[in-house]
Protein backbone atom coordinates (compact mmCIF):
# COMPACT_ATOMS: atom_id res chain seq x y z
CA UNK A 1 -0.06 0.10 0.00
CA UNK A 2 1.36 3.39 -0.93
CA UNK A 3 1.82 6.17 1.49
CA UNK A 4 -0.81 8.18 -0.34
CA UNK A 5 -3.16 5.46 -0.07
CA UNK A 6 -2.49 4.86 3.58
CA UNK A 7 -3.12 8.40 4.19
CA UNK A 8 -6.28 8.35 2.24
CA UNK A 9 -7.48 5.16 4.30
CA UNK A 10 -6.67 7.12 7.43
CA UNK A 11 -8.75 10.04 6.48
CA UNK A 12 -11.53 7.86 5.34
CA UNK A 13 -11.43 6.05 8.75
CA UNK A 14 -11.57 9.42 10.62
CA UNK A 15 -14.45 10.39 8.47
CA UNK A 16 -16.25 7.09 9.11
CA UNK A 17 -15.65 7.54 12.75
CA UNK A 18 -17.13 11.06 12.62
CA UNK A 19 -20.02 9.72 10.68
CA UNK A 20 -20.59 6.97 13.14
CA UNK A 21 -20.92 9.53 15.94
CA UNK A 22 -23.14 11.73 13.60
CA UNK A 23 -25.49 8.91 12.54
CA UNK A 24 -25.81 7.23 15.97
CA UNK A 25 -26.39 10.59 17.64
CA UNK A 26 -28.96 11.67 15.14
CA UNK A 27 -30.58 8.24 15.41
CA UNK A 28 -30.52 8.27 19.02
CA UNK A 29 -32.37 11.79 18.93
CA UNK A 30 -35.02 10.70 16.38
CA UNK A 31 -35.63 7.44 18.35
CA UNK A 32 -35.97 9.46 21.53
CA UNK A 33 -38.37 11.93 19.96
CA UNK A 34 -40.33 9.38 17.79
CA UNK A 35 -40.04 5.77 19.27
CA UNK A 36 -43.74 5.52 20.15
CA UNK A 37 -44.99 6.97 16.97
CA UNK A 38 -42.51 5.65 14.36
CA UNK A 39 -41.18 2.24 13.85
CA UNK A 40 -37.30 2.06 14.65
CA UNK A 41 -36.64 0.80 11.08
CA UNK A 42 -38.54 3.76 9.40
CA UNK A 43 -36.46 6.18 11.51
CA UNK A 44 -33.41 4.83 9.44
CA UNK A 45 -34.72 6.58 6.40
CA UNK A 46 -34.22 10.34 7.35
CA UNK A 47 -31.23 9.44 9.45
CA UNK A 48 -29.47 7.76 6.57
CA UNK A 49 -30.32 10.70 4.16
CA UNK A 50 -28.68 13.12 6.66
CA UNK A 51 -25.73 10.88 7.17
CA UNK A 52 -25.19 10.31 3.39
CA UNK A 53 -25.08 14.06 2.80
CA UNK A 54 -22.73 14.48 5.77
CA UNK A 55 -20.36 11.89 4.72
CA UNK A 56 -20.35 12.86 0.96
CA UNK A 57 -19.20 16.38 1.88
CA UNK A 58 -16.52 14.98 4.26
CA UNK A 59 -15.25 12.48 1.70
CA UNK A 60 -15.37 14.83 -1.22
CA UNK A 61 -13.25 17.50 0.49
CA UNK A 62 -11.17 15.56 3.07
CA UNK A 63 -10.72 12.06 1.93
CA UNK A 64 -10.60 11.70 -1.85
CA UNK A 65 -10.27 15.47 -2.51
CA UNK A 66 -11.83 15.53 -5.99
CA UNK A 67 -12.64 18.56 -8.03
CA UNK A 68 -16.00 19.38 -9.57
CA UNK A 69 -18.46 16.77 -10.46
CA UNK A 70 -20.67 17.53 -7.47
CA UNK A 71 -23.89 16.25 -8.87
CA UNK A 72 -22.44 13.12 -10.32
CA UNK A 73 -20.47 12.18 -7.27
CA UNK A 74 -23.36 12.93 -5.06
CA UNK A 75 -25.64 10.85 -6.97
CA UNK A 76 -23.06 8.01 -7.26
CA UNK A 77 -22.64 8.25 -3.35
CA UNK A 78 -26.40 7.55 -3.11
CA UNK A 79 -26.11 4.35 -5.29
CA UNK A 80 -23.23 3.11 -2.89
CA UNK A 81 -25.14 4.21 0.16
CA UNK A 82 -28.30 2.80 -1.18
CA UNK A 83 -26.85 -0.64 -1.22
CA UNK A 84 -25.39 0.04 2.17
CA UNK A 85 -28.77 1.10 3.46
CA UNK A 86 -30.43 -2.07 2.32
CA UNK A 87 -27.54 -3.85 4.03
CA UNK A 88 -28.08 -1.81 7.12
CA UNK A 89 -31.96 -2.44 7.29
CA UNK A 90 -31.28 -6.26 6.96
CA UNK A 91 -28.63 -6.17 9.71
CA UNK A 92 -30.76 -3.91 11.90
CA UNK A 93 -33.56 -6.39 11.61
CA UNK A 94 -31.41 -9.40 12.51
CA UNK A 95 -29.68 -7.51 15.37
CA UNK A 96 -32.84 -6.22 16.86
CA UNK A 97 -35.63 -8.90 16.04
CA UNK A 98 -33.51 -12.13 16.27
CA UNK A 99 -30.65 -11.16 18.69
CA UNK A 100 -32.56 -8.67 20.94
CA UNK A 101 -30.01 -5.90 20.72
CA UNK A 102 -31.37 -2.30 21.54
CA UNK A 103 -31.87 -0.43 18.19
CA UNK A 104 -29.43 2.37 18.92
CA UNK A 105 -26.72 -0.21 19.78
CA UNK A 106 -27.62 -2.20 16.72
CA UNK A 107 -27.43 0.84 14.70
CA UNK A 108 -23.73 1.46 15.67
CA UNK A 109 -22.68 -2.11 15.02
CA UNK A 110 -24.39 -2.14 11.73
CA UNK A 111 -22.65 0.93 10.66
CA UNK A 112 -19.09 -0.33 11.52
CA UNK A 113 -19.91 -3.35 9.10
CA UNK A 114 -21.10 -1.13 6.34
CA UNK A 115 -17.98 1.14 6.43
CA UNK A 116 -15.76 -1.43 4.87
CA UNK A 117 -18.43 -1.73 1.96
CA UNK A 118 -18.62 1.91 1.57
CA UNK A 119 -14.87 2.65 1.37
CA UNK A 120 -14.58 0.39 -1.63
CA UNK A 121 -17.72 1.49 -3.31
CA UNK A 122 -16.72 5.28 -2.86
CA UNK A 123 -13.21 4.80 -3.96
CA UNK A 124 -13.89 2.61 -7.08
CA UNK A 125 -17.23 4.19 -8.15
CA UNK A 126 -18.38 7.44 -6.55
CA UNK A 127 -14.96 9.22 -6.55
CA UNK A 128 -13.15 7.12 -9.22
CA UNK A 129 -10.59 9.06 -11.21
CA UNK A 130 -8.58 8.08 -14.17
CA UNK A 131 -5.63 7.27 -11.76
CA UNK A 132 -7.95 4.67 -9.83
CA UNK A 133 -9.32 3.26 -12.95
CA UNK A 134 -5.82 2.29 -14.33
CA UNK A 135 -4.95 0.61 -10.99
CA UNK A 136 -7.90 -1.76 -11.07
């Protein structure tokens, strides 16, 4: 692994850590406010939209440092995170319904698992540059 790639991975993990805190915090607030009115899985929809936008901005400017292509990259991030969201829904269901974890704890665990999936999706799809294409 090159020095640049190691730095990019480190930045990605920092952004991932920030986004875990952001997402779990927002989920905890939403759950606290609406746990009796809204199913815990439905709460994941607005939380994921907020988290996707937060992480897109952090990844664009801090991790991958790409120029321009805002709309294309943002939409590609949604494709990657859409897959991640489906994965997260399935993992949340299993963690809460089958293993009995509290929904807030389960969300934190699920997010860590999806971080690996997201790194490669963002690197090879959303923020792919000519340089990355040649190295595949």
